[in-house]
């Protein structure tokens, strides 16, 4: 997946907001979502190369989450994901 530099900065924020909405749903994997929320917070707190590396790993974590819990996250968010 590929996104431009501006989207790279916005995507973790959009992911975090989406995860907070999903967290309130019935039968959702709460602990997995809370883990991704922590990963978003960590990524957003970093700068430079550290942030890019954390974003790359966050993408992998989201892809893993989506493979284990398909349909839990909106497709448009998944299509825009990634540090391209």
C-alpha atoms as a PDB file:
ATOM      1  CA  UNK A   1       0.000   0.000   0.000  1.00  0.00           C
ATOM      2  CA  UNK A   2       1.132   3.524  -0.664  1.00  0.00           C
ATOM      3  CA  UNK A   3       0.097   6.940   0.595  1.00  0.00           C
ATOM      4  CA  UNK A   4       1.651  10.377   0.241  1.00  0.00           C
ATOM      5  CA  UNK A   5       3.570  12.106   3.033  1.00  0.00           C
ATOM      6  CA  UNK A   6       0.622  14.196   4.183  1.00  0.00           C
ATOM      7  CA  UNK A   7      -1.567  11.103   4.525  1.00  0.00           C
ATOM      8  CA  UNK A   8       1.168   9.373   6.518  1.00  0.00           C
ATOM      9  CA  UNK A   9       0.791  12.051   9.168  1.00  0.00           C
ATOM     10  CA  UNK A  10      -3.004  11.904   9.211  1.00  0.00           C
ATOM     11  CA  UNK A  11      -3.548   8.143   8.943  1.00  0.00           C
ATOM     12  CA  UNK A  12      -2.543   7.197  12.531  1.00  0.00           C
ATOM     13  CA  UNK A  13      -4.925   9.870  13.819  1.00  0.00           C
ATOM     14  CA  UNK A  14      -7.745   8.553  11.630  1.00  0.00           C
ATOM     15  CA  UNK A  15      -6.957   4.994  12.719  1.00  0.00           C
ATOM     16  CA  UNK A  16      -7.063   6.009  16.373  1.00  0.00           C
ATOM     17  CA  UNK A  17     -10.439   7.745  15.964  1.00  0.00           C
ATOM     18  CA  UNK A  18     -11.827   4.725  14.125  1.00  0.00           C
ATOM     19  CA  UNK A  19     -10.584   2.322  16.791  1.00  0.00           C
ATOM     20  CA  UNK A  20     -12.309   4.373  19.506  1.00  0.00           C
ATOM     21  CA  UNK A  21     -15.592   4.110  17.576  1.00  0.00           C
ATOM     22  CA  UNK A  22     -15.174   0.369  16.971  1.00  0.00           C
ATOM     23  CA  UNK A  23     -14.338  -0.202  20.640  1.00  0.00           C
ATOM     24  CA  UNK A  24     -17.927   0.602  21.603  1.00  0.00           C
ATOM     25  CA  UNK A  25     -19.372  -2.098  19.332  1.00  0.00           C
ATOM     26  CA  UNK A  26     -20.740  -5.413  20.529  1.00  0.00           C
ATOM     27  CA  UNK A  27     -18.487  -8.456  20.432  1.00  0.00           C
ATOM     28  CA  UNK A  28     -15.344  -6.612  19.359  1.00  0.00           C
ATOM     29  CA  UNK A  29     -11.849  -7.830  20.302  1.00  0.00           C
ATOM     30  CA  UNK A  30     -11.358  -5.238  23.054  1.00  0.00           C
ATOM     31  CA  UNK A  31      -7.802  -6.145  24.054  1.00  0.00           C
ATOM     32  CA  UNK A  32      -6.593  -6.165  20.450  1.00  0.00           C
ATOM     33  CA  UNK A  33      -8.190  -2.786  19.797  1.00  0.00           C
ATOM     34  CA  UNK A  34      -6.700  -1.355  22.988  1.00  0.00           C
ATOM     35  CA  UNK A  35      -3.275  -2.620  21.874  1.00  0.00           C
ATOM     36  CA  UNK A  36      -3.652  -0.856  18.520  1.00  0.00           C
ATOM     37  CA  UNK A  37      -4.703   2.321  20.334  1.00  0.00           C
ATOM     38  CA  UNK A  38      -1.489   2.179  22.359  1.00  0.00           C
ATOM     39  CA  UNK A  39       0.502   1.614  19.158  1.00  0.00           C
ATOM     40  CA  UNK A  40      -1.175   4.670  17.583  1.00  0.00           C
ATOM     41  CA  UNK A  41      -0.347   6.798  20.620  1.00  0.00           C
ATOM     42  CA  UNK A  42       3.261   5.607  20.574  1.00  0.00           C
ATOM     43  CA  UNK A  43       3.605   6.340  16.860  1.00  0.00           C
ATOM     44  CA  UNK A  44       2.057   9.783  17.166  1.00  0.00           C
ATOM     45  CA  UNK A  45       4.450  10.637  20.019  1.00  0.00           C
ATOM     46  CA  UNK A  46       7.542   9.849  17.929  1.00  0.00           C
ATOM     47  CA  UNK A  47       9.360  12.005  15.388  1.00  0.00           C
ATOM     48  CA  UNK A  48      11.596  11.538  12.377  1.00  0.00           C
ATOM     49  CA  UNK A  49      12.944   8.092  11.547  1.00  0.00           C
ATOM     50  CA  UNK A  50      11.537   6.628  14.744  1.00  0.00           C
ATOM     51  CA  UNK A  51       8.053   7.705  13.725  1.00  0.00           C
ATOM     52  CA  UNK A  52       8.461   6.264  10.228  1.00  0.00           C
ATOM     53  CA  UNK A  53       9.648   2.937  11.628  1.00  0.00           C
ATOM     54  CA  UNK A  54       6.825   2.872  14.155  1.00  0.00           C
ATOM     55  CA  UNK A  55       4.331   3.705  11.405  1.00  0.00           C
ATOM     56  CA  UNK A  56       5.691   0.857   9.292  1.00  0.00           C
ATOM     57  CA  UNK A  57       5.209  -1.572  12.201  1.00  0.00           C
ATOM     58  CA  UNK A  58       1.768  -0.138  12.945  1.00  0.00           C
ATOM     59  CA  UNK A  59       0.765  -0.948   9.377  1.00  0.00           C
ATOM     60  CA  UNK A  60       1.865  -4.543   9.904  1.00  0.00           C
ATOM     61  CA  UNK A  61      -0.082  -4.674  13.173  1.00  0.00           C
ATOM     62  CA  UNK A  62      -3.226  -3.353  11.457  1.00  0.00           C
ATOM     63  CA  UNK A  63      -2.859  -5.834   8.585  1.00  0.00           C
ATOM     64  CA  UNK A  64      -2.527  -8.656  11.134  1.00  0.00           C
ATOM     65  CA  UNK A  65      -5.567  -7.380  13.033  1.00  0.00           C
ATOM     66  CA  UNK A  66      -7.578  -7.209   9.816  1.00  0.00           C
ATOM     67  CA  UNK A  67      -6.616 -10.764   8.868  1.00  0.00           C
ATOM     68  CA  UNK A  68      -7.746 -12.037  12.285  1.00  0.00           C
ATOM     69  CA  UNK A  69     -10.857  -9.847  12.526  1.00  0.00           C
ATOM     70  CA  UNK A  70     -11.966  -9.096   8.940  1.00  0.00           C
ATOM     71  CA  UNK A  71     -14.556  -6.378   8.530  1.00  0.00           C
ATOM     72  CA  UNK A  72     -13.881  -4.810  11.912  1.00  0.00           C
ATOM     73  CA  UNK A  73     -12.152  -1.776  10.375  1.00  0.00           C
ATOM     74  CA  UNK A  74     -13.557   0.205   7.438  1.00  0.00           C
ATOM     75  CA  UNK A  75     -12.131  -0.627   4.016  1.00  0.00           C
ATOM     76  CA  UNK A  76     -11.370   2.993   3.152  1.00  0.00           C
ATOM     77  CA  UNK A  77      -9.095   3.244   6.198  1.00  0.00           C
ATOM     78  CA  UNK A  78      -7.288   0.048   5.222  1.00  0.00           C
ATOM     79  CA  UNK A  79      -6.832   1.219   1.615  1.00  0.00           C
ATOM     80  CA  UNK A  80      -5.240   4.472   2.791  1.00  0.00           C
ATOM     81  CA  UNK A  81      -2.965   2.842   5.332  1.00  0.00           C
ATOM     82  CA  UNK A  82       0.717   2.505   5.181  1.00  0.00           C
ATOM     83  CA  UNK A  83       3.972   4.267   5.023  1.00  0.00           C
ATOM     84  CA  UNK A  84       4.279   3.545   1.284  1.00  0.00           C
END
